[in-house]
Amino acid sequence: MVAPKLMSYNQLDFQSKANLEMHVRQLESETDMYKEQLEKAGMLSFTLTQVWNKQGKHRLGLYFSYRDEKAFIDCQKILNGIPEDEDNPMILNADRGVVRLHVVSEQ
């Protein structure tokens, strides 16, 4: 397994639980369409989480790991080309980081 050099974390806040669920369904359907393209560009993994420790929030977390800087740039071109759902507004906060320590369980 190739160790990621860059990771990004996007936090998506929605107005309601129904809006959050609608976005999850959209991501599930789009994943198959873009997975191969993103893998070829250098994405190593993608994880979708639903944040549960913030009462009253309807929040998802998206984690992406990339082979290197070029992979990040190439994947961003693909991700930025995916149309936004204007009928389901969200607040997006994005953080990017250089991997300093990456621990993988061997279980």
N, C-alpha and C. Protein backbone atom coordinates (compact mmCIF):
# COMPACT_ATOMS: atom_id res chain seq x y z
N MET A 1 0.83 -1.18 0.00
CA MET A 1 0.00 0.00 0.00
C MET A 1 0.88 1.24 0.00
N VAL A 2 0.57 2.18 -0.87
CA VAL A 2 1.29 3.44 -0.95
C VAL A 2 0.83 4.35 0.19
N ALA A 3 1.78 4.94 0.90
CA ALA A 3 1.43 5.86 1.99
C ALA A 3 1.07 7.22 1.40
N PRO A 4 -0.02 7.83 1.88
CA PRO A 4 -0.41 9.14 1.36
C PRO A 4 0.57 10.23 1.80
N LYS A 5 0.77 11.20 0.93
CA LYS A 5 1.61 12.35 1.27
C LYS A 5 0.78 13.57 1.60
N LEU A 6 -0.43 13.64 1.05
CA LEU A 6 -1.33 14.75 1.32
C LEU A 6 -2.71 14.20 1.66
N MET A 7 -3.42 14.92 2.53
CA MET A 7 -4.79 14.58 2.85
C MET A 7 -5.62 15.85 2.88
N SER A 8 -6.90 15.70 2.60
CA SER A 8 -7.80 16.84 2.74
C SER A 8 -9.02 16.36 3.51
N TYR A 9 -9.58 17.30 4.27
CA TYR A 9 -10.77 17.03 5.05
C TYR A 9 -11.76 18.14 4.77
N ASN A 10 -12.93 17.77 4.32
CA ASN A 10 -14.00 18.73 4.07
C ASN A 10 -15.13 18.47 5.04
N GLN A 11 -15.61 19.53 5.64
CA GLN A 11 -16.73 19.46 6.56
C GLN A 11 -17.93 20.11 5.89
N LEU A 12 -19.03 19.38 5.79
CA LEU A 12 -20.23 19.87 5.13
C LEU A 12 -21.35 19.98 6.16
N ASP A 13 -21.91 21.17 6.33
CA ASP A 13 -23.03 21.39 7.24
C ASP A 13 -24.30 21.62 6.44
N PHE A 14 -25.38 20.95 6.87
CA PHE A 14 -26.66 21.01 6.18
C PHE A 14 -27.72 21.60 7.09
N GLN A 15 -28.80 22.10 6.47
CA GLN A 15 -29.89 22.73 7.21
C GLN A 15 -30.70 21.71 8.01
N SER A 16 -30.76 20.47 7.52
CA SER A 16 -31.59 19.47 8.18
C SER A 16 -31.02 18.07 7.95
N LYS A 17 -31.54 17.12 8.70
CA LYS A 17 -31.16 15.71 8.53
C LYS A 17 -31.56 15.22 7.13
N ALA A 18 -32.71 15.66 6.65
CA ALA A 18 -33.17 15.26 5.31
C ALA A 18 -32.20 15.76 4.24
N ASN A 19 -31.69 16.99 4.38
CA ASN A 19 -30.72 17.52 3.42
C ASN A 19 -29.42 16.71 3.46
N LEU A 20 -28.99 16.35 4.67
CA LEU A 20 -27.79 15.53 4.83
C LEU A 20 -27.97 14.19 4.13
N GLU A 21 -29.10 13.52 4.39
CA GLU A 21 -29.36 12.21 3.78
C GLU A 21 -29.43 12.30 2.26
N MET A 22 -30.00 13.38 1.74
CA MET A 22 -30.07 13.56 0.30
C MET A 22 -28.65 13.65 -0.29
N HIS A 23 -27.76 14.35 0.40
CA HIS A 23 -26.39 14.48 -0.09
C HIS A 23 -25.64 13.14 -0.02
N VAL A 24 -25.89 12.37 1.03
CA VAL A 24 -25.26 11.05 1.14
C VAL A 24 -25.67 10.18 -0.06
N ARG A 25 -26.95 10.18 -0.39
CA ARG A 25 -27.42 9.39 -1.54
C ARG A 25 -26.75 9.87 -2.84
N GLN A 26 -26.60 11.18 -2.98
CA GLN A 26 -25.95 11.73 -4.17
C GLN A 26 -24.49 11.26 -4.23
N LEU A 27 -23.77 11.34 -3.12
CA LEU A 27 -22.37 10.90 -3.09
C LEU A 27 -22.25 9.42 -3.40
N GLU A 28 -23.16 8.62 -2.86
CA GLU A 28 -23.13 7.18 -3.13
C GLU A 28 -23.29 6.90 -4.62
N SER A 29 -24.17 7.62 -5.28
CA SER A 29 -24.38 7.38 -6.71
C SER A 29 -23.21 7.92 -7.55
N GLU A 30 -22.61 9.03 -7.13
CA GLU A 30 -21.51 9.62 -7.89
C GLU A 30 -20.19 8.88 -7.69
N THR A 31 -20.04 8.20 -6.58
CA THR A 31 -18.78 7.52 -6.28
C THR A 31 -18.41 6.54 -7.39
N ASP A 32 -19.36 5.74 -7.83
CA ASP A 32 -19.07 4.78 -8.89
C ASP A 32 -18.67 5.47 -10.20
N MET A 33 -19.27 6.63 -10.47
CA MET A 33 -18.97 7.34 -11.71
C MET A 33 -17.55 7.90 -11.73
N TYR A 34 -17.04 8.33 -10.58
CA TYR A 34 -15.76 9.04 -10.53
C TYR A 34 -14.61 8.25 -9.92
N LYS A 35 -14.89 7.12 -9.30
CA LYS A 35 -13.88 6.35 -8.58
C LYS A 35 -12.66 6.00 -9.44
N GLU A 36 -12.88 5.41 -10.58
CA GLU A 36 -11.77 4.98 -11.43
C GLU A 36 -10.93 6.18 -11.90
N GLN A 37 -11.61 7.25 -12.27
CA GLN A 37 -10.95 8.46 -12.73
C GLN A 37 -10.07 9.06 -11.62
N LEU A 38 -10.60 9.10 -10.40
CA LEU A 38 -9.83 9.65 -9.27
C LEU A 38 -8.67 8.74 -8.89
N GLU A 39 -8.87 7.43 -8.95
CA GLU A 39 -7.77 6.51 -8.65
C GLU A 39 -6.63 6.68 -9.65
N LYS A 40 -6.96 6.81 -10.92
CA LYS A 40 -5.93 7.02 -11.94
C LYS A 40 -5.19 8.34 -11.72
N ALA A 41 -5.89 9.33 -11.18
CA ALA A 41 -5.27 10.64 -10.93
C ALA A 41 -4.41 10.63 -9.66
N GLY A 42 -4.54 9.60 -8.82
CA GLY A 42 -3.69 9.48 -7.64
C GLY A 42 -4.37 9.55 -6.29
N MET A 43 -5.71 9.47 -6.28
CA MET A 43 -6.40 9.40 -4.99
C MET A 43 -6.20 8.00 -4.42
N LEU A 44 -5.78 7.93 -3.16
CA LEU A 44 -5.54 6.64 -2.52
C LEU A 44 -6.76 6.15 -1.75
N SER A 45 -7.51 7.08 -1.16
CA SER A 45 -8.71 6.68 -0.43
C SER A 45 -9.67 7.85 -0.27
N PHE A 46 -10.91 7.48 -0.01
CA PHE A 46 -11.98 8.45 0.23
C PHE A 46 -12.85 7.86 1.33
N THR A 47 -13.15 8.67 2.34
CA THR A 47 -14.00 8.22 3.44
C THR A 47 -15.05 9.28 3.71
N LEU A 48 -16.29 8.84 3.84
CA LEU A 48 -17.40 9.73 4.20
C LEU A 48 -17.81 9.38 5.62
N THR A 49 -17.89 10.39 6.49
CA THR A 49 -18.34 10.17 7.86
C THR A 49 -19.52 11.08 8.16
N GLN A 50 -20.36 10.63 9.07
CA GLN A 50 -21.41 11.50 9.60
C GLN A 50 -20.99 11.87 11.02
N VAL A 51 -20.82 13.15 11.28
CA VAL A 51 -20.39 13.62 12.59
C VAL A 51 -21.53 13.43 13.57
N TRP A 52 -21.25 12.78 14.70
CA TRP A 52 -22.30 12.46 15.66
C TRP A 52 -22.11 13.15 17.01
N ASN A 53 -21.00 13.81 17.21
CA ASN A 53 -20.74 14.38 18.53
C ASN A 53 -21.04 15.88 18.62
N LYS A 54 -21.76 16.43 17.66
CA LYS A 54 -22.15 17.84 17.68
C LYS A 54 -23.67 17.92 17.67
N GLN A 55 -24.27 18.05 18.84
CA GLN A 55 -25.72 18.09 18.97
C GLN A 55 -26.30 19.25 18.16
N GLY A 56 -27.40 18.97 17.46
CA GLY A 56 -28.09 20.00 16.70
C GLY A 56 -27.44 20.32 15.36
N LYS A 57 -26.37 19.63 15.01
CA LYS A 57 -25.69 19.86 13.73
C LYS A 57 -25.99 18.69 12.80
N HIS A 58 -26.04 18.99 11.53
CA HIS A 58 -26.23 17.97 10.50
C HIS A 58 -24.98 18.07 9.63
N ARG A 59 -23.96 17.29 9.99
CA ARG A 59 -22.62 17.48 9.43
C ARG A 59 -22.05 16.17 8.90
N LEU A 60 -21.42 16.28 7.72
CA LEU A 60 -20.67 15.19 7.13
C LEU A 60 -19.20 15.57 7.08
N GLY A 61 -18.34 14.56 7.12
CA GLY A 61 -16.91 14.77 6.93
C GLY A 61 -16.45 13.95 5.74
N LEU A 62 -15.67 14.56 4.87
CA LEU A 62 -15.11 13.87 3.71
C LEU A 62 -13.59 13.88 3.84
N TYR A 63 -13.00 12.70 3.87
CA TYR A 63 -11.54 12.58 3.94
C TYR A 63 -11.04 12.03 2.61
N PHE A 64 -10.03 12.69 2.06
CA PHE A 64 -9.37 12.22 0.84
C PHE A 64 -7.89 12.07 1.14
N SER A 65 -7.26 11.01 0.67
CA SER A 65 -5.80 10.91 0.77
C SER A 65 -5.25 10.76 -0.65
N TYR A 66 -4.08 11.39 -0.85
CA TYR A 66 -3.48 11.49 -2.18
C TYR A 66 -2.05 10.98 -2.17
N ARG A 67 -1.64 10.44 -3.29
CA ARG A 67 -0.29 9.91 -3.47
C ARG A 67 0.76 11.00 -3.28
N ASP A 68 0.50 12.18 -3.83
CA ASP A 68 1.47 13.27 -3.78
C ASP A 68 0.80 14.57 -4.20
N GLU A 69 1.60 15.64 -4.34
CA GLU A 69 1.06 16.95 -4.70
C GLU A 69 0.40 16.95 -6.08
N LYS A 70 1.03 16.28 -7.03
CA LYS A 70 0.47 16.22 -8.38
C LYS A 70 -0.89 15.52 -8.37
N ALA A 71 -1.00 14.45 -7.59
CA ALA A 71 -2.26 13.72 -7.48
C ALA A 71 -3.35 14.62 -6.90
N PHE A 72 -2.99 15.40 -5.89
CA PHE A 72 -3.96 16.32 -5.30
C PHE A 72 -4.49 17.29 -6.35
N ILE A 73 -3.59 17.90 -7.11
CA ILE A 73 -3.97 18.87 -8.14
C ILE A 73 -4.83 18.20 -9.21
N ASP A 74 -4.42 17.03 -9.67
CA ASP A 74 -5.18 16.31 -10.70
C ASP A 74 -6.57 15.91 -10.20
N CYS A 75 -6.66 15.48 -8.95
CA CYS A 75 -7.96 15.09 -8.40
C CYS A 75 -8.85 16.31 -8.18
N GLN A 76 -8.26 17.44 -7.80
CA GLN A 76 -9.06 18.65 -7.61
C GLN A 76 -9.71 19.08 -8.93
N LYS A 77 -9.02 18.90 -10.04
CA LYS A 77 -9.61 19.22 -11.34
C LYS A 77 -10.87 18.38 -11.58
N ILE A 78 -10.80 17.12 -11.22
CA ILE A 78 -11.95 16.22 -11.39
C ILE A 78 -13.07 16.62 -10.42
N LEU A 79 -12.73 16.78 -9.15
CA LEU A 79 -13.73 17.10 -8.13
C LEU A 79 -14.40 18.44 -8.39
N ASN A 80 -13.64 19.41 -8.85
CA ASN A 80 -14.21 20.73 -9.14
C ASN A 80 -15.14 20.70 -10.34
N GLY A 81 -15.03 19.66 -11.18
CA GLY A 81 -15.89 19.52 -12.34
C GLY A 81 -17.23 18.87 -12.04
N ILE A 82 -17.39 18.36 -10.82
CA ILE A 82 -18.66 17.73 -10.43
C ILE A 82 -19.66 18.84 -10.10
N PRO A 83 -20.80 18.87 -10.77
CA PRO A 83 -21.78 19.94 -10.52
C PRO A 83 -22.28 19.94 -9.08
N GLU A 84 -22.47 21.13 -8.53
CA GLU A 84 -23.02 21.26 -7.19
C GLU A 84 -24.53 21.12 -7.24
N ASP A 85 -25.10 20.63 -6.16
CA ASP A 85 -26.55 20.49 -6.04
C ASP A 85 -27.10 21.80 -5.48
N GLU A 86 -27.57 22.66 -6.36
CA GLU A 86 -28.06 23.97 -5.93
C GLU A 86 -29.36 23.88 -5.15
N ASP A 87 -30.06 22.75 -5.23
CA ASP A 87 -31.31 22.57 -4.49
C ASP A 87 -31.06 22.11 -3.06
N ASN A 88 -29.81 21.80 -2.73
CA ASN A 88 -29.47 21.31 -1.39
C ASN A 88 -28.26 22.09 -0.88
N PRO A 89 -28.49 23.32 -0.41
CA PRO A 89 -27.36 24.16 0.01
C PRO A 89 -26.65 23.61 1.24
N MET A 90 -25.35 23.88 1.30
CA MET A 90 -24.53 23.43 2.43
C MET A 90 -23.45 24.47 2.68
N ILE A 91 -22.90 24.42 3.87
CA ILE A 91 -21.73 25.23 4.19
C ILE A 91 -20.53 24.29 4.17
N LEU A 92 -19.52 24.65 3.38
CA LEU A 92 -18.34 23.80 3.20
C LEU A 92 -17.13 24.47 3.82
N ASN A 93 -16.42 23.72 4.66
CA ASN A 93 -15.12 24.14 5.19
C ASN A 93 -14.11 23.09 4.77
N ALA A 94 -13.00 23.52 4.19
CA ALA A 94 -12.01 22.57 3.68
C ALA A 94 -10.66 22.83 4.32
N ASP A 95 -10.00 21.76 4.72
CA ASP A 95 -8.64 21.81 5.24
C ASP A 95 -7.79 20.82 4.47
N ARG A 96 -6.56 21.20 4.19
CA ARG A 96 -5.61 20.32 3.52
C ARG A 96 -4.38 20.21 4.39
N GLY A 97 -3.73 19.07 4.36
CA GLY A 97 -2.55 18.90 5.18
C GLY A 97 -1.52 17.97 4.56
N VAL A 98 -0.28 18.20 4.93
CA VAL A 98 0.82 17.31 4.57
C VAL A 98 0.86 16.23 5.65
N VAL A 99 0.91 14.99 5.25
CA VAL A 99 0.91 13.88 6.20
C VAL A 99 2.25 13.85 6.94
N ARG A 100 2.19 13.93 8.25
CA ARG A 100 3.38 13.89 9.09
C ARG A 100 3.52 12.52 9.76
N LEU A 101 2.40 11.86 10.00
CA LEU A 101 2.40 10.54 10.63
C LEU A 101 1.15 9.83 10.14
N HIS A 102 1.32 8.62 9.67
CA HIS A 102 0.19 7.83 9.17
C HIS A 102 0.34 6.41 9.71
N VAL A 103 -0.57 5.99 10.55
CA VAL A 103 -0.51 4.68 11.18
C VAL A 103 -1.63 3.82 10.61
N VAL A 104 -1.29 2.65 10.13
CA VAL A 104 -2.27 1.73 9.55
C VAL A 104 -2.23 0.45 10.37
N SER A 105 -3.38 0.01 10.84
CA SER A 105 -3.48 -1.23 11.59
C SER A 105 -3.23 -2.40 10.66
N GLU A 106 -2.56 -3.41 11.16
CA GLU A 106 -2.28 -4.59 10.35
C GLU A 106 -3.31 -5.69 10.60
N GLN A 107 -4.38 -5.38 11.28
CA GLN A 107 -5.42 -6.37 11.57
C GLN A 107 -6.26 -6.64 10.38
